[in-house]
Amino acid sequence: MRPDPEETLRQFRREAEAREETRSPDSLSAIIDGCKEVADSASVHSTDIWDLVQVLPVYRREDVEEFAARCLPEFREHTCYTRNAGLYLSALVNRIGRPGEVFTLRLPYSGKQKLDSIGNYLDGPTLLVYGHVGACLGFGMRSGLLRLQGAAGDSAGMGMHGGVLEIDGTVRKGLGEVMQGGIIRLRGRARGWVAKNARAGKIDIEGFYRALANDSNHYHHSQTFPISSKVTITHNGKQVWPR
């Protein structure tokens, strides 16, 4: 028997109302205050940031999206903005993100101050990111989809275990470094070596790339780095590794 559409809609409304009732009225303020605690600390570890996020009052996906779009600019002058704010934003998503839930992060333009570690350890949700980011995009991803409409810095997809990472812009060196699994789709340019010490997974490149990490003929390399035969790399649909 097919579910009654009206009953499904009523159930959805009841669940939405329940989430709204449990949300703290000061949830966005608490998120801002939490970022203040970590934005200037050079010694804070990612696990410290995760522990902090775990004790924040209940918040919603909309709070995270508003924080990214409207509140992040006030932290630009803080000492460790690029590293810690990126880790903090990723932890906010990871705490409440459910499989298939879509988060849309519209990152403010901040010149050379691009957030590192966006999508760290993503596990389940879909994360749509608009804007340029720094290093370690999608580091250690487990599952879900991370799609970037913008450019990324070094080591995008580093240490991925699963999930799908899609990048529409240019990336710097280290794409797929020590990758353990998952899929990377690059629709822009890879400006440095690709797949350094990668052990498994798949990388699809549609734009230009300089070299694979094991290419001894590339003039930038003083040494080469292994790529496992369990890694598949394609360029414009043609397999370039394993050869």
Protein backbone atom coordinates (compact mmCIF):
# COMPACT_ATOMS: atom_id res chain seq x y z
CA MET A 1 0.00 0.00 0.00
CA ARG A 2 1.32 3.41 -0.93
CA PRO A 3 1.68 5.92 1.91
CA ASP A 4 -0.96 8.64 2.05
CA PRO A 5 0.63 11.87 0.68
CA GLU A 6 -1.35 14.00 3.10
CA GLU A 7 -0.26 11.92 6.08
CA THR A 8 3.35 12.04 4.89
CA LEU A 9 3.14 15.83 4.72
CA ARG A 10 1.62 16.02 8.20
CA GLN A 11 4.37 13.78 9.58
CA PHE A 12 7.01 15.97 7.96
CA ARG A 13 5.45 19.07 9.56
CA ARG A 14 5.31 17.41 12.97
CA GLU A 15 8.99 16.48 12.75
CA ALA A 16 9.91 20.01 11.64
CA GLU A 17 7.95 21.52 14.53
CA ALA A 18 9.62 19.14 16.98
CA ARG A 19 13.06 20.17 15.75
CA GLU A 20 12.12 23.83 16.07
CA GLU A 21 10.86 23.33 19.63
CA THR A 22 14.11 21.68 20.75
CA ARG A 23 16.29 24.34 19.15
CA SER A 24 17.72 26.94 21.48
CA PRO A 25 16.58 30.48 20.62
CA ASP A 26 20.21 31.56 21.02
CA SER A 27 21.72 28.77 18.90
CA LEU A 28 23.30 31.07 16.31
CA SER A 29 24.77 33.26 19.05
CA ALA A 30 26.23 30.15 20.69
CA ILE A 31 27.83 29.12 17.39
CA ILE A 32 29.39 32.58 17.06
CA ASP A 33 30.69 32.49 20.63
CA GLY A 34 32.19 29.05 20.04
CA CYS A 35 34.10 30.31 17.02
CA LYS A 36 35.47 33.17 19.12
CA GLU A 37 36.96 30.60 21.50
CA VAL A 38 39.04 28.91 18.81
CA ALA A 39 39.72 31.57 16.17
CA ASP A 40 42.90 32.90 17.83
CA SER A 41 44.35 29.69 19.24
CA ALA A 42 47.38 28.30 17.42
CA SER A 43 47.54 25.28 19.72
CA VAL A 44 43.94 24.08 19.48
CA HIS A 45 43.57 20.60 17.94
CA SER A 46 40.75 19.43 15.71
CA THR A 47 39.56 17.14 18.52
CA ASP A 48 39.32 20.17 20.82
CA ILE A 49 37.10 21.90 18.29
CA TRP A 50 34.95 18.78 17.95
CA ASP A 51 34.55 18.58 21.74
CA LEU A 52 33.48 22.22 21.84
CA VAL A 53 30.88 21.74 19.11
CA GLN A 54 29.48 18.69 20.91
CA VAL A 55 28.39 20.79 23.90
CA LEU A 56 26.83 23.66 21.93
CA PRO A 57 23.07 24.14 22.39
CA VAL A 58 20.87 22.43 19.80
CA TYR A 59 21.14 24.11 16.41
CA ARG A 60 19.84 23.52 12.88
CA ARG A 61 21.24 23.27 9.38
CA GLU A 62 19.93 26.79 8.72
CA ASP A 63 22.03 28.12 11.61
CA VAL A 64 25.18 26.64 10.09
CA GLU A 65 24.37 28.08 6.67
CA GLU A 66 23.67 31.54 8.12
CA PHE A 67 26.85 31.43 10.19
CA ALA A 68 28.91 30.65 7.08
CA ALA A 69 27.33 33.33 4.90
CA ARG A 70 26.79 36.19 7.37
CA CYS A 71 28.97 35.73 10.46
CA LEU A 72 32.32 34.37 9.27
CA PRO A 73 33.61 37.73 7.93
CA GLU A 74 33.91 39.13 11.46
CA PHE A 75 36.64 36.54 12.20
CA ARG A 76 38.94 37.39 9.28
CA GLU A 77 41.42 39.33 11.38
CA HIS A 78 41.82 36.57 13.95
CA THR A 79 45.22 34.91 14.05
CA CYS A 80 44.18 31.37 13.10
CA TYR A 81 41.08 32.21 11.04
CA THR A 82 41.87 30.11 7.97
CA ARG A 83 42.64 26.88 9.83
CA ASN A 84 40.42 26.97 12.88
CA ALA A 85 37.30 28.50 11.35
CA GLY A 86 37.38 25.84 8.63
CA LEU A 87 37.70 23.04 11.16
CA TYR A 88 34.93 24.59 13.26
CA LEU A 89 32.55 24.92 10.32
CA SER A 90 33.18 21.29 9.33
CA ALA A 91 32.55 20.11 12.89
CA LEU A 92 29.23 21.98 12.95
CA VAL A 93 28.12 20.06 9.85
CA ASN A 94 29.40 16.71 11.12
CA ARG A 95 27.57 16.95 14.44
CA ILE A 96 24.06 17.26 12.99
CA GLY A 97 24.39 16.16 9.35
CA ARG A 98 22.32 13.13 8.38
CA PRO A 99 22.79 10.94 5.29
CA GLY A 100 21.36 12.73 2.27
CA GLU A 101 20.76 16.03 4.08
CA VAL A 102 21.93 19.00 2.01
CA PHE A 103 23.98 21.83 3.52
CA THR A 104 24.69 24.88 1.35
CA LEU A 105 27.67 26.96 2.45
CA ARG A 106 28.17 30.28 0.69
CA LEU A 107 31.60 31.35 1.85
CA PRO A 108 32.34 35.09 1.90
CA TYR A 109 35.15 36.34 -0.30
CA SER A 110 38.17 37.00 1.86
CA GLY A 111 41.06 37.53 -0.55
CA LYS A 112 44.04 35.37 0.38
CA GLN A 113 42.37 34.18 3.60
CA LYS A 114 40.72 31.01 2.36
CA LEU A 115 39.33 28.48 4.81
CA ASP A 116 41.25 25.23 5.18
CA SER A 117 39.79 21.83 6.03
CA ILE A 118 36.26 22.34 4.72
CA GLY A 119 34.43 19.01 4.71
CA ASN A 120 36.86 17.28 7.07
CA TYR A 121 35.67 13.75 7.87
CA LEU A 122 32.32 14.33 6.13
CA ASP A 123 30.17 11.26 6.73
CA GLY A 124 26.73 11.14 5.13
CA PRO A 125 25.44 14.62 4.24
CA THR A 126 25.70 16.48 0.95
CA LEU A 127 27.80 19.63 1.35
CA LEU A 128 27.53 22.24 -1.42
CA VAL A 129 30.23 24.89 -1.09
CA TYR A 130 30.29 28.13 -3.08
CA GLY A 131 33.53 30.09 -3.01
CA HIS A 132 37.28 29.48 -2.99
CA VAL A 133 38.82 27.40 -0.19
CA GLY A 134 42.30 26.66 1.13
CA ALA A 135 44.11 23.40 1.83
CA CYS A 136 42.82 19.94 2.74
CA LEU A 137 39.33 20.15 1.24
CA GLY A 138 37.47 16.94 2.13
CA PHE A 139 40.30 15.59 4.28
CA GLY A 140 39.50 12.10 5.56
CA MET A 141 35.99 11.98 4.02
CA ARG A 142 34.02 8.86 4.93
CA SER A 143 30.82 9.13 2.88
CA GLY A 144 28.44 11.66 1.38
CA LEU A 145 28.98 14.23 -1.35
CA LEU A 146 31.15 17.35 -1.17
CA ARG A 147 30.80 19.64 -4.18
CA LEU A 148 32.90 22.80 -4.52
CA GLN A 149 32.08 25.54 -6.98
CA GLY A 150 35.36 27.37 -6.73
CA ALA A 151 39.10 26.75 -6.47
CA ALA A 152 40.90 24.74 -3.79
CA GLY A 153 44.42 24.83 -2.34
CA ASP A 154 46.85 22.00 -1.68
CA SER A 155 45.91 18.42 -0.81
CA ALA A 156 42.24 18.32 -1.81
CA GLY A 157 40.83 14.87 -1.03
CA MET A 158 43.82 13.97 1.13
CA GLY A 159 43.26 10.74 3.06
CA MET A 160 39.76 10.15 1.71
CA HIS A 161 38.20 6.83 2.68
CA GLY A 162 34.88 7.12 0.85
CA GLY A 163 32.27 9.45 -0.55
CA VAL A 164 32.44 11.70 -3.59
CA LEU A 165 34.41 14.94 -3.89
CA GLU A 166 33.56 17.15 -6.89
CA ILE A 167 35.56 20.29 -7.69
CA ASP A 168 34.64 22.72 -10.45
CA GLY A 169 37.72 24.95 -10.21
CA THR A 170 41.50 24.73 -10.07
CA VAL A 171 43.35 22.77 -7.38
CA ARG A 172 46.97 23.08 -6.34
CA LYS A 173 49.35 20.21 -5.68
CA GLY A 174 48.48 17.04 -3.81
CA LEU A 175 45.07 16.09 -5.23
CA GLY A 176 44.14 12.68 -3.78
CA GLU A 177 47.28 12.40 -1.65
CA VAL A 178 47.32 9.19 0.49
CA MET A 179 43.78 8.50 -0.71
CA GLN A 180 42.28 5.31 0.74
CA GLY A 181 39.01 5.16 -1.20
CA GLY A 182 36.15 7.21 -2.58
CA ILE A 183 35.85 9.19 -5.82
CA ILE A 184 37.29 12.57 -6.81
CA ARG A 185 35.93 14.37 -9.87
CA LEU A 186 37.92 17.40 -10.99
CA ARG A 187 36.39 19.60 -13.68
CA GLY A 188 39.15 22.22 -13.51
CA ARG A 189 42.95 22.18 -13.55
CA ALA A 190 45.34 20.27 -11.28
CA ARG A 191 48.39 22.52 -10.99
CA GLY A 192 50.67 20.06 -9.18
CA TRP A 193 51.21 16.32 -8.87
CA VAL A 194 48.22 14.00 -8.47
CA ALA A 195 47.69 10.93 -6.25
CA LYS A 196 50.90 10.98 -4.19
CA ASN A 197 51.04 7.73 -2.17
CA ALA A 198 47.40 6.99 -3.03
CA ARG A 199 46.34 3.45 -2.12
CA ALA A 200 42.78 3.05 -3.44
CA GLY A 201 39.91 5.01 -4.96
CA LYS A 202 39.18 6.73 -8.25
CA ILE A 203 40.15 10.14 -9.64
CA ASP A 204 38.43 11.52 -12.75
CA ILE A 205 40.07 14.62 -14.26
CA GLU A 206 38.32 16.58 -16.99
CA GLY A 207 40.70 19.55 -17.17
CA PHE A 208 44.46 19.93 -17.46
CA TYR A 209 46.81 18.19 -15.05
CA ARG A 210 50.58 18.54 -14.79
CA ALA A 211 51.61 15.03 -13.79
CA LEU A 212 50.87 11.98 -11.75
CA ALA A 213 53.00 11.70 -8.63
CA ASN A 214 54.93 8.73 -10.08
CA ASP A 215 55.82 10.44 -13.38
CA SER A 216 59.61 10.57 -13.49
CA ASN A 217 59.57 12.71 -16.65
CA HIS A 218 57.89 15.69 -15.01
CA TYR A 219 60.38 18.50 -14.51
CA HIS A 220 58.96 19.60 -11.15
CA HIS A 221 59.84 16.29 -9.50
CA SER A 222 63.09 15.81 -7.64
CA GLN A 223 61.68 12.38 -6.77
CA THR A 224 58.63 10.30 -7.58
CA PHE A 225 55.98 8.89 -5.26
CA PRO A 226 54.18 5.56 -5.60
CA ILE A 227 50.57 5.12 -6.67
CA SER A 228 48.88 1.80 -5.92
CA SER A 229 47.47 -0.27 -8.77
CA LYS A 230 44.19 -0.21 -6.79
CA VAL A 231 43.83 3.46 -7.75
CA THR A 232 42.09 4.29 -11.03
CA ILE A 233 42.81 7.65 -12.68
CA THR A 234 41.11 8.87 -15.85
CA HIS A 235 41.65 11.98 -17.94
CA ASN A 236 38.75 13.08 -20.14
CA GLY A 237 37.39 9.53 -19.98
CA LYS A 238 40.68 7.83 -20.87
CA GLN A 239 42.40 5.73 -18.22
CA VAL A 240 45.90 7.01 -17.47
CA TRP A 241 46.51 4.85 -14.38
CA PRO A 242 47.08 1.92 -14.06
CA ARG A 243 48.83 2.12 -17.38
